[in-house]
Amino acid sequence: MRVSGSTVLVTGATGGIGRSIARVLAGRGAEVVVTGRKVAEVERLAREVGGRAVVADLADADDVGRLVAEVGAVDVLVANAALPAGGALADFTAEQVKRALAVNLEAPVELARALVPSMVAARRGHVVLIGSLAGKVASAHSSLYNATKFGLRGFALGLREDLRGSGVGVSIVQPGFVRDAGMFADTGAKPPAGLRTVSPEQVAAGVVRAIEENRAEVNVAPAELRVLSAVGGAFPALSSGLQRRMSNDELMRRMSAANRGKR
């Protein structure tokens, strides 16, 4: 389906990647509805892209329901909002675990459940779930984040099969290390030697490609990281050894420490 002329809901729009997605979709002629928790930032972005702002906290089930009611029917859902959720599981409180699961997995599932029926009735629509290569390869200091992104990937691919022939597509867009904005960039960390990054605009381009080409899975990463994630997903023990050799465990530890305040 074409982005132009479509009504699109983008969650997590106040983050750098979400902003890029909203800007690119608006630039291609979509009517964009942006949502996030920060009132001033959401409203500012809505004015910039000529769209509409709805403030909501996706960790709150009532807020998710209110968001659906206020937005109404849309042609495209881009579920981008997520919490870093990095660190040793024992360091999380029970409430922090619930919040990570709610924002990263439960809210996208509920938004899809609530918004897809009108797409099916119109025989036109698309659901884009923003995952991560952490949904294909597990790493140290990321068990909870891995759980949410592995789950999101499974949900996306399964829902895609459920909706086959309905006119509604489903895609999982999975970035690698993103520079300039997002969870990785916010920590100031550098990727392991030999691994390159991608820009928020490349992630946004991946979203457009997912919608317009009805791609099941779009991995937004340099070739070397796409290869490593494919190998790591098939051979987890090999991946674990490679990550230790590349000092990835230490990188993930530093990232989780830097993102601790965002749980």
C-alpha atoms as a PDB file:
ATOM      1  CA  MET A   1       0.000   0.000   0.000  1.00  0.00           C
ATOM      2  CA  ARG A   2       1.068   3.608  -0.486  1.00  0.00           C
ATOM      3  CA  VAL A   3       2.044   5.840   2.409  1.00  0.00           C
ATOM      4  CA  SER A   4       0.663   8.902   0.633  1.00  0.00           C
ATOM      5  CA  GLY A   5      -2.905   9.616   1.694  1.00  0.00           C
ATOM      6  CA  SER A   6      -2.764   7.195   4.634  1.00  0.00           C
ATOM      7  CA  THR A   7      -3.508   8.012   8.259  1.00  0.00           C
ATOM      8  CA  VAL A   8      -0.624   6.751  10.392  1.00  0.00           C
ATOM      9  CA  LEU A   9      -0.281   6.429  14.174  1.00  0.00           C
ATOM     10  CA  VAL A  10       3.343   6.581  15.394  1.00  0.00           C
ATOM     11  CA  THR A  11       3.997   5.687  19.039  1.00  0.00           C
ATOM     12  CA  GLY A  12       7.110   6.769  20.899  1.00  0.00           C
ATOM     13  CA  ALA A  13       7.240   9.776  18.605  1.00  0.00           C
ATOM     14  CA  THR A  14       9.175  12.005  21.020  1.00  0.00           C
ATOM     15  CA  GLY A  15      12.266   9.796  20.773  1.00  0.00           C
ATOM     16  CA  GLY A  16      14.795  10.527  18.035  1.00  0.00           C
ATOM     17  CA  ILE A  17      13.908   7.503  15.927  1.00  0.00           C
ATOM     18  CA  GLY A  18      10.181   8.148  16.341  1.00  0.00           C
ATOM     19  CA  ARG A  19      10.608  11.754  15.254  1.00  0.00           C
ATOM     20  CA  SER A  20      12.460  10.660  12.134  1.00  0.00           C
ATOM     21  CA  ILE A  21       9.748   8.149  11.295  1.00  0.00           C
ATOM     22  CA  ALA A  22       7.002  10.770  11.738  1.00  0.00           C
ATOM     23  CA  ARG A  23       8.862  13.320   9.617  1.00  0.00           C
ATOM     24  CA  VAL A  24       9.571  10.898   6.778  1.00  0.00           C
ATOM     25  CA  LEU A  25       5.987   9.590   6.677  1.00  0.00           C
ATOM     26  CA  ALA A  26       4.570  13.138   6.692  1.00  0.00           C
ATOM     27  CA  GLY A  27       7.012  14.077   3.954  1.00  0.00           C
ATOM     28  CA  ARG A  28       5.603  11.267   1.833  1.00  0.00           C
ATOM     29  CA  GLY A  29       2.062  12.560   2.174  1.00  0.00           C
ATOM     30  CA  ALA A  30       0.738  10.702   5.214  1.00  0.00           C
ATOM     31  CA  GLU A  31      -1.537  12.261   7.823  1.00  0.00           C
ATOM     32  CA  VAL A  32       0.417  11.506  10.984  1.00  0.00           C
ATOM     33  CA  VAL A  33      -0.882  11.099  14.519  1.00  0.00           C
ATOM     34  CA  VAL A  34       1.984  11.185  17.036  1.00  0.00           C
ATOM     35  CA  THR A  35       1.892   9.986  20.617  1.00  0.00           C
ATOM     36  CA  GLY A  36       4.231   9.966  23.582  1.00  0.00           C
ATOM     37  CA  ARG A  37       4.363  10.942  27.250  1.00  0.00           C
ATOM     38  CA  LYS A  38       5.999  14.385  26.914  1.00  0.00           C
ATOM     39  CA  VAL A  39       3.237  16.900  26.235  1.00  0.00           C
ATOM     40  CA  ALA A  40       5.320  19.798  24.880  1.00  0.00           C
ATOM     41  CA  GLU A  41       7.459  17.575  22.644  1.00  0.00           C
ATOM     42  CA  VAL A  42       4.510  15.663  21.190  1.00  0.00           C
ATOM     43  CA  GLU A  43       2.623  18.863  20.431  1.00  0.00           C
ATOM     44  CA  ARG A  44       5.720  20.483  18.908  1.00  0.00           C
ATOM     45  CA  LEU A  45       6.285  17.511  16.607  1.00  0.00           C
ATOM     46  CA  ALA A  46       2.618  17.447  15.596  1.00  0.00           C
ATOM     47  CA  ARG A  47       2.835  21.092  14.546  1.00  0.00           C
ATOM     48  CA  GLU A  48       6.055  20.432  12.635  1.00  0.00           C
ATOM     49  CA  VAL A  49       4.617  17.549  10.599  1.00  0.00           C
ATOM     50  CA  GLY A  50       1.158  19.050  10.244  1.00  0.00           C
ATOM     51  CA  GLY A  51      -0.362  16.191  12.199  1.00  0.00           C
ATOM     52  CA  ARG A  52      -2.206  15.519  15.441  1.00  0.00           C
ATOM     53  CA  ALA A  53      -0.874  14.886  18.949  1.00  0.00           C
ATOM     54  CA  VAL A  54      -2.316  12.504  21.544  1.00  0.00           C
ATOM     55  CA  VAL A  55      -0.453  12.267  24.855  1.00  0.00           C
ATOM     56  CA  ALA A  56      -0.425   8.783  26.384  1.00  0.00           C
ATOM     57  CA  ASP A  57       1.664   6.550  28.644  1.00  0.00           C
ATOM     58  CA  LEU A  58       1.751   3.085  27.080  1.00  0.00           C
ATOM     59  CA  ALA A  59       2.669   1.511  30.425  1.00  0.00           C
ATOM     60  CA  ASP A  60      -0.876   2.356  31.550  1.00  0.00           C
ATOM     61  CA  ALA A  61      -3.511   0.041  30.064  1.00  0.00           C
ATOM     62  CA  ASP A  62      -6.215   2.687  30.541  1.00  0.00           C
ATOM     63  CA  ASP A  63      -4.115   5.191  28.607  1.00  0.00           C
ATOM     64  CA  VAL A  64      -3.695   2.681  25.785  1.00  0.00           C
ATOM     65  CA  GLY A  65      -7.469   2.309  25.609  1.00  0.00           C
ATOM     66  CA  ARG A  66      -7.950   6.078  25.650  1.00  0.00           C
ATOM     67  CA  LEU A  67      -5.373   6.458  22.873  1.00  0.00           C
ATOM     68  CA  VAL A  68      -7.286   4.026  20.678  1.00  0.00           C
ATOM     69  CA  ALA A  69     -10.571   5.829  21.375  1.00  0.00           C
ATOM     70  CA  GLU A  70      -9.129   9.274  20.602  1.00  0.00           C
ATOM     71  CA  VAL A  71      -7.259   8.248  17.468  1.00  0.00           C
ATOM     72  CA  GLY A  72     -10.049   6.178  15.907  1.00  0.00           C
ATOM     73  CA  ALA A  73      -9.487   4.195  12.711  1.00  0.00           C
ATOM     74  CA  VAL A  74      -6.064   4.438  11.071  1.00  0.00           C
ATOM     75  CA  ASP A  75      -4.555   2.926   7.951  1.00  0.00           C
ATOM     76  CA  VAL A  76      -1.138   2.256   9.468  1.00  0.00           C
ATOM     77  CA  LEU A  77       0.136   1.585  12.980  1.00  0.00           C
ATOM     78  CA  VAL A  78       3.846   2.136  13.626  1.00  0.00           C
ATOM     79  CA  ALA A  79       4.500   0.768  17.123  1.00  0.00           C
ATOM     80  CA  ASN A  80       7.856   2.338  17.892  1.00  0.00           C
ATOM     81  CA  ALA A  81       7.741   3.089  21.632  1.00  0.00           C
ATOM     82  CA  ALA A  82      10.079   1.023  23.805  1.00  0.00           C
ATOM     83  CA  LEU A  83      12.068   1.136  27.038  1.00  0.00           C
ATOM     84  CA  PRO A  84      15.766   0.112  27.089  1.00  0.00           C
ATOM     85  CA  ALA A  85      15.210  -2.584  29.764  1.00  0.00           C
ATOM     86  CA  GLY A  86      18.913  -3.455  29.881  1.00  0.00           C
ATOM     87  CA  GLY A  87      20.712  -4.910  32.873  1.00  0.00           C
ATOM     88  CA  ALA A  88      20.775  -8.007  35.031  1.00  0.00           C
ATOM     89  CA  LEU A  89      17.245  -9.222  35.768  1.00  0.00           C
ATOM     90  CA  ALA A  90      17.902  -9.296  39.526  1.00  0.00           C
ATOM     91  CA  ASP A  91      18.568  -5.528  39.418  1.00  0.00           C
ATOM     92  CA  PHE A  92      15.005  -4.777  38.255  1.00  0.00           C
ATOM     93  CA  THR A  93      12.114  -4.234  40.609  1.00  0.00           C
ATOM     94  CA  ALA A  94       8.908  -6.142  39.914  1.00  0.00           C
ATOM     95  CA  GLU A  95       7.309  -2.870  38.830  1.00  0.00           C
ATOM     96  CA  GLN A  96      10.125  -2.120  36.381  1.00  0.00           C
ATOM     97  CA  VAL A  97       9.722  -5.572  34.815  1.00  0.00           C
ATOM     98  CA  LYS A  98       5.988  -4.987  34.401  1.00  0.00           C
ATOM     99  CA  ARG A  99       6.587  -1.568  32.842  1.00  0.00           C
ATOM    100  CA  ALA A 100       9.099  -2.931  30.311  1.00  0.00           C
ATOM    101  CA  LEU A 101       6.767  -5.750  29.296  1.00  0.00           C
ATOM    102  CA  ALA A 102       3.823  -3.341  29.069  1.00  0.00           C
ATOM    103  CA  VAL A 103       5.517  -0.747  26.873  1.00  0.00           C
ATOM    104  CA  ASN A 104       7.679  -3.004  24.701  1.00  0.00           C
ATOM    105  CA  LEU A 105       5.297  -5.907  24.117  1.00  0.00           C
ATOM    106  CA  GLU A 106       1.822  -5.654  25.614  1.00  0.00           C
ATOM    107  CA  ALA A 107       1.002  -2.185  24.244  1.00  0.00           C
ATOM    108  CA  PRO A 108       1.933  -3.049  20.623  1.00  0.00           C
ATOM    109  CA  VAL A 109      -0.136  -6.231  20.854  1.00  0.00           C
ATOM    110  CA  GLU A 110      -3.125  -4.371  22.291  1.00  0.00           C
ATOM    111  CA  LEU A 111      -2.880  -1.545  19.751  1.00  0.00           C
ATOM    112  CA  ALA A 112      -2.798  -4.071  16.927  1.00  0.00           C
ATOM    113  CA  ARG A 113      -5.744  -5.983  18.411  1.00  0.00           C
ATOM    114  CA  ALA A 114      -7.796  -2.794  18.680  1.00  0.00           C
ATOM    115  CA  LEU A 115      -6.848  -1.146  15.378  1.00  0.00           C
ATOM    116  CA  VAL A 116      -6.597  -4.060  12.940  1.00  0.00           C
ATOM    117  CA  PRO A 117     -10.354  -4.837  12.682  1.00  0.00           C
ATOM    118  CA  SER A 118     -11.104  -1.527  10.959  1.00  0.00           C
ATOM    119  CA  MET A 119      -8.199  -2.135   8.565  1.00  0.00           C
ATOM    120  CA  VAL A 120      -9.569  -5.586   7.731  1.00  0.00           C
ATOM    121  CA  ALA A 121     -13.030  -4.102   7.169  1.00  0.00           C
ATOM    122  CA  ALA A 122     -11.493  -1.619   4.731  1.00  0.00           C
ATOM    123  CA  ARG A 123      -9.296  -4.376   3.223  1.00  0.00           C
ATOM    124  CA  ARG A 124      -6.390  -1.940   3.479  1.00  0.00           C
ATOM    125  CA  GLY A 125      -3.819  -1.329   6.174  1.00  0.00           C
ATOM    126  CA  HIS A 126      -0.449  -2.131   7.659  1.00  0.00           C
ATOM    127  CA  VAL A 127       1.047  -2.790  11.083  1.00  0.00           C
ATOM    128  CA  VAL A 128       4.742  -1.984  11.560  1.00  0.00           C
ATOM    129  CA  LEU A 129       6.372  -3.137  14.773  1.00  0.00           C
ATOM    130  CA  ILE A 130       9.776  -1.617  15.532  1.00  0.00           C
ATOM    131  CA  GLY A 131      11.865  -4.417  16.938  1.00  0.00           C
ATOM    132  CA  SER A 132      15.630  -4.781  17.134  1.00  0.00           C
ATOM    133  CA  LEU A 133      18.327  -7.198  16.101  1.00  0.00           C
ATOM    134  CA  ALA A 134      18.203  -7.959  19.841  1.00  0.00           C
ATOM    135  CA  GLY A 135      15.038  -9.834  18.869  1.00  0.00           C
ATOM    136  CA  LYS A 136      17.155 -12.267  16.850  1.00  0.00           C
ATOM    137  CA  VAL A 137      20.328 -12.588  18.940  1.00  0.00           C
ATOM    138  CA  ALA A 138      20.504 -12.606  22.745  1.00  0.00           C
ATOM    139  CA  SER A 139      23.241 -10.765  24.637  1.00  0.00           C
ATOM    140  CA  ALA A 140      24.488 -10.485  28.191  1.00  0.00           C
ATOM    141  CA  HIS A 141      22.864  -7.783  30.339  1.00  0.00           C
ATOM    142  CA  SER A 142      19.803  -7.775  28.043  1.00  0.00           C
ATOM    143  CA  SER A 143      17.608 -10.713  29.070  1.00  0.00           C
ATOM    144  CA  LEU A 144      14.454  -8.645  29.639  1.00  0.00           C
ATOM    145  CA  TYR A 145      14.965  -6.488  26.546  1.00  0.00           C
ATOM    146  CA  ASN A 146      15.721  -9.623  24.492  1.00  0.00           C
ATOM    147  CA  ALA A 147      12.507 -11.203  25.799  1.00  0.00           C
ATOM    148  CA  THR A 148      10.375  -8.273  24.659  1.00  0.00           C
ATOM    149  CA  LYS A 149      11.990  -8.030  21.216  1.00  0.00           C
ATOM    150  CA  PHE A 150      12.007 -11.802  20.574  1.00  0.00           C
ATOM    151  CA  GLY A 151       8.327 -11.767  21.562  1.00  0.00           C
ATOM    152  CA  LEU A 152       7.544  -8.818  19.295  1.00  0.00           C
ATOM    153  CA  ARG A 153       9.154 -10.572  16.324  1.00  0.00           C
ATOM    154  CA  GLY A 154       7.165 -13.749  16.947  1.00  0.00           C
ATOM    155  CA  PHE A 155       3.946 -11.767  17.291  1.00  0.00           C
ATOM    156  CA  ALA A 156       4.595  -9.848  14.064  1.00  0.00           C
ATOM    157  CA  LEU A 157       5.326 -12.914  11.962  1.00  0.00           C
ATOM    158  CA  GLY A 158       2.399 -14.852  13.422  1.00  0.00           C
ATOM    159  CA  LEU A 159      -0.073 -11.987  12.986  1.00  0.00           C
ATOM    160  CA  ARG A 160       1.123 -11.572   9.411  1.00  0.00           C
ATOM    161  CA  GLU A 161       0.061 -15.155   8.707  1.00  0.00           C
ATOM    162  CA  ASP A 162      -3.292 -14.605  10.435  1.00  0.00           C
ATOM    163  CA  LEU A 163      -3.989 -11.612   8.177  1.00  0.00           C
ATOM    164  CA  ARG A 164      -2.769 -13.129   4.927  1.00  0.00           C
ATOM    165  CA  GLY A 165      -5.288 -12.363   2.154  1.00  0.00           C
ATOM    166  CA  SER A 166      -7.093  -9.723   4.229  1.00  0.00           C
ATOM    167  CA  GLY A 167      -5.477  -6.713   2.568  1.00  0.00           C
ATOM    168  CA  VAL A 168      -3.620  -5.902   5.802  1.00  0.00           C
ATOM    169  CA  GLY A 169       0.139  -6.410   6.035  1.00  0.00           C
ATOM    170  CA  VAL A 170       2.372  -6.799   9.074  1.00  0.00           C
ATOM    171  CA  SER A 171       6.095  -6.062   9.256  1.00  0.00           C
ATOM    172  CA  ILE A 172       8.840  -6.197  11.850  1.00  0.00           C
ATOM    173  CA  VAL A 173      11.555  -3.557  11.336  1.00  0.00           C
ATOM    174  CA  GLN A 174      14.741  -4.422  13.222  1.00  0.00           C
ATOM    175  CA  PRO A 175      17.544  -1.851  13.529  1.00  0.00           C
ATOM    176  CA  GLY A 176      21.057  -2.619  14.641  1.00  0.00           C
ATOM    177  CA  PHE A 177      23.176   0.062  16.344  1.00  0.00           C
ATOM    178  CA  VAL A 178      21.580   3.462  15.596  1.00  0.00           C
ATOM    179  CA  ARG A 179      23.694   6.616  15.785  1.00  0.00           C
ATOM    180  CA  ASP A 180      22.574  10.173  16.581  1.00  0.00           C
ATOM    181  CA  ALA A 181      19.325   9.149  18.330  1.00  0.00           C
ATOM    182  CA  GLY A 182      17.750   6.290  20.228  1.00  0.00           C
ATOM    183  CA  MET A 183      18.741   3.976  23.079  1.00  0.00           C
ATOM    184  CA  PHE A 184      22.225   3.152  21.801  1.00  0.00           C
ATOM    185  CA  ALA A 185      23.151   6.711  20.820  1.00  0.00           C
ATOM    186  CA  ASP A 186      21.872   8.095  24.140  1.00  0.00           C
ATOM    187  CA  THR A 187      24.487   6.077  26.062  1.00  0.00           C
ATOM    188  CA  GLY A 188      27.436   7.542  24.148  1.00  0.00           C
ATOM    189  CA  ALA A 189      28.750   3.999  23.594  1.00  0.00           C
ATOM    190  CA  LYS A 190      30.620   2.837  20.509  1.00  0.00           C
ATOM    191  CA  PRO A 191      29.823  -0.410  18.659  1.00  0.00           C
ATOM    192  CA  PRO A 192      32.332  -3.271  18.762  1.00  0.00           C
ATOM    193  CA  ALA A 193      35.306  -2.882  16.442  1.00  0.00           C
ATOM    194  CA  GLY A 194      34.416  -3.525  12.820  1.00  0.00           C
ATOM    195  CA  LEU A 195      30.671  -2.950  13.224  1.00  0.00           C
ATOM    196  CA  ARG A 196      29.037   0.107  11.685  1.00  0.00           C
ATOM    197  CA  THR A 197      25.937   2.045  12.674  1.00  0.00           C
ATOM    198  CA  VAL A 198      22.841   3.264  10.821  1.00  0.00           C
ATOM    199  CA  SER A 199      21.012   6.594  11.052  1.00  0.00           C
ATOM    200  CA  PRO A 200      17.465   7.263  12.331  1.00  0.00           C
ATOM    201  CA  GLU A 201      16.591   8.279   8.759  1.00  0.00           C
ATOM    202  CA  GLN A 202      17.637   4.819   7.520  1.00  0.00           C
ATOM    203  CA  VAL A 203      15.290   3.262  10.075  1.00  0.00           C
ATOM    204  CA  ALA A 204      12.497   5.535   8.828  1.00  0.00           C
ATOM    205  CA  ALA A 205      13.267   4.506   5.238  1.00  0.00           C
ATOM    206  CA  GLY A 206      13.008   0.887   6.372  1.00  0.00           C
ATOM    207  CA  VAL A 207       9.538   1.619   7.740  1.00  0.00           C
ATOM    208  CA  VAL A 208       8.446   3.081   4.405  1.00  0.00           C
ATOM    209  CA  ARG A 209       9.858   0.060   2.581  1.00  0.00           C
ATOM    210  CA  ALA A 210       8.038  -2.305   4.950  1.00  0.00           C
ATOM    211  CA  ILE A 211       4.711  -0.586   4.297  1.00  0.00           C
ATOM    212  CA  GLU A 212       4.949   0.003   0.566  1.00  0.00           C
ATOM    213  CA  GLU A 213       6.534  -3.357  -0.307  1.00  0.00           C
ATOM    214  CA  ASN A 214       4.676  -5.362   2.365  1.00  0.00           C
ATOM    215  CA  ARG A 215       7.909  -6.831   3.717  1.00  0.00           C
ATOM    216  CA  ALA A 216       7.655  -9.388   6.510  1.00  0.00           C
ATOM    217  CA  GLU A 217      11.001  -8.430   8.029  1.00  0.00           C
ATOM    218  CA  VAL A 218      13.296  -5.455   7.382  1.00  0.00           C
ATOM    219  CA  ASN A 219      16.689  -5.541   9.091  1.00  0.00           C
ATOM    220  CA  VAL A 220      18.151  -2.028   9.115  1.00  0.00           C
ATOM    221  CA  ALA A 221      21.843  -2.659   9.644  1.00  0.00           C
ATOM    222  CA  PRO A 222      25.110  -2.842   7.698  1.00  0.00           C
ATOM    223  CA  ALA A 223      25.820  -6.100   5.872  1.00  0.00           C
ATOM    224  CA  GLU A 224      28.257  -7.416   8.486  1.00  0.00           C
ATOM    225  CA  LEU A 225      25.728  -7.030  11.304  1.00  0.00           C
ATOM    226  CA  ARG A 226      22.935  -8.615   9.256  1.00  0.00           C
ATOM    227  CA  VAL A 227      25.187 -11.629   8.638  1.00  0.00           C
ATOM    228  CA  LEU A 228      26.189 -11.878  12.295  1.00  0.00           C
ATOM    229  CA  SER A 229      22.551 -11.678  13.425  1.00  0.00           C
ATOM    230  CA  ALA A 230      21.515 -14.420  10.972  1.00  0.00           C
ATOM    231  CA  VAL A 231      24.333 -16.685  12.169  1.00  0.00           C
ATOM    232  CA  GLY A 232      23.678 -15.811  15.809  1.00  0.00           C
ATOM    233  CA  GLY A 233      19.989 -16.565  15.538  1.00  0.00           C
ATOM    234  CA  ALA A 234      20.706 -20.013  14.107  1.00  0.00           C
ATOM    235  CA  PHE A 235      23.682 -20.836  16.327  1.00  0.00           C
ATOM    236  CA  PRO A 236      23.290 -19.174  19.746  1.00  0.00           C
ATOM    237  CA  ALA A 237      26.302 -20.874  21.352  1.00  0.00           C
ATOM    238  CA  LEU A 238      28.549 -19.682  18.525  1.00  0.00           C
ATOM    239  CA  SER A 239      27.070 -16.194  18.838  1.00  0.00           C
ATOM    240  CA  SER A 240      27.786 -16.135  22.561  1.00  0.00           C
ATOM    241  CA  GLY A 241      31.437 -16.954  21.983  1.00  0.00           C
ATOM    242  CA  LEU A 242      31.780 -14.358  19.224  1.00  0.00           C
ATOM    243  CA  GLN A 243      30.218 -11.660  21.373  1.00  0.00           C
ATOM    244  CA  ARG A 244      32.659 -12.333  24.201  1.00  0.00           C
ATOM    245  CA  ARG A 245      35.600 -12.145  21.785  1.00  0.00           C
ATOM    246  CA  MET A 246      34.315  -8.821  20.440  1.00  0.00           C
ATOM    247  CA  SER A 247      33.867  -7.432  23.987  1.00  0.00           C
ATOM    248  CA  ASN A 248      30.136  -7.093  23.357  1.00  0.00           C
ATOM    249  CA  ASP A 249      29.371  -8.194  26.933  1.00  0.00           C
ATOM    250  CA  GLU A 250      31.218  -5.159  28.278  1.00  0.00           C
ATOM    251  CA  LEU A 251      29.455  -2.882  25.779  1.00  0.00           C
ATOM    252  CA  MET A 252      26.047  -4.166  26.866  1.00  0.00           C
ATOM    253  CA  ARG A 253      26.985  -3.732  30.526  1.00  0.00           C
ATOM    254  CA  ARG A 254      27.936  -0.078  29.924  1.00  0.00           C
ATOM    255  CA  MET A 255      24.780   0.555  27.915  1.00  0.00           C
ATOM    256  CA  SER A 256      22.527  -0.949  30.570  1.00  0.00           C
ATOM    257  CA  ALA A 257      24.196   1.176  33.257  1.00  0.00           C
ATOM    258  CA  ALA A 258      23.747   4.342  31.169  1.00  0.00           C
ATOM    259  CA  ASN A 259      20.059   3.578  30.558  1.00  0.00           C
ATOM    260  CA  ARG A 260      19.272   2.567  34.146  1.00  0.00           C
ATOM    261  CA  GLY A 261      17.308   5.747  34.809  1.00  0.00           C
ATOM    262  CA  LYS A 262      14.891   5.043  31.936  1.00  0.00           C
ATOM    263  CA  ARG A 263      13.397   1.836  33.347  1.00  0.00           C
END
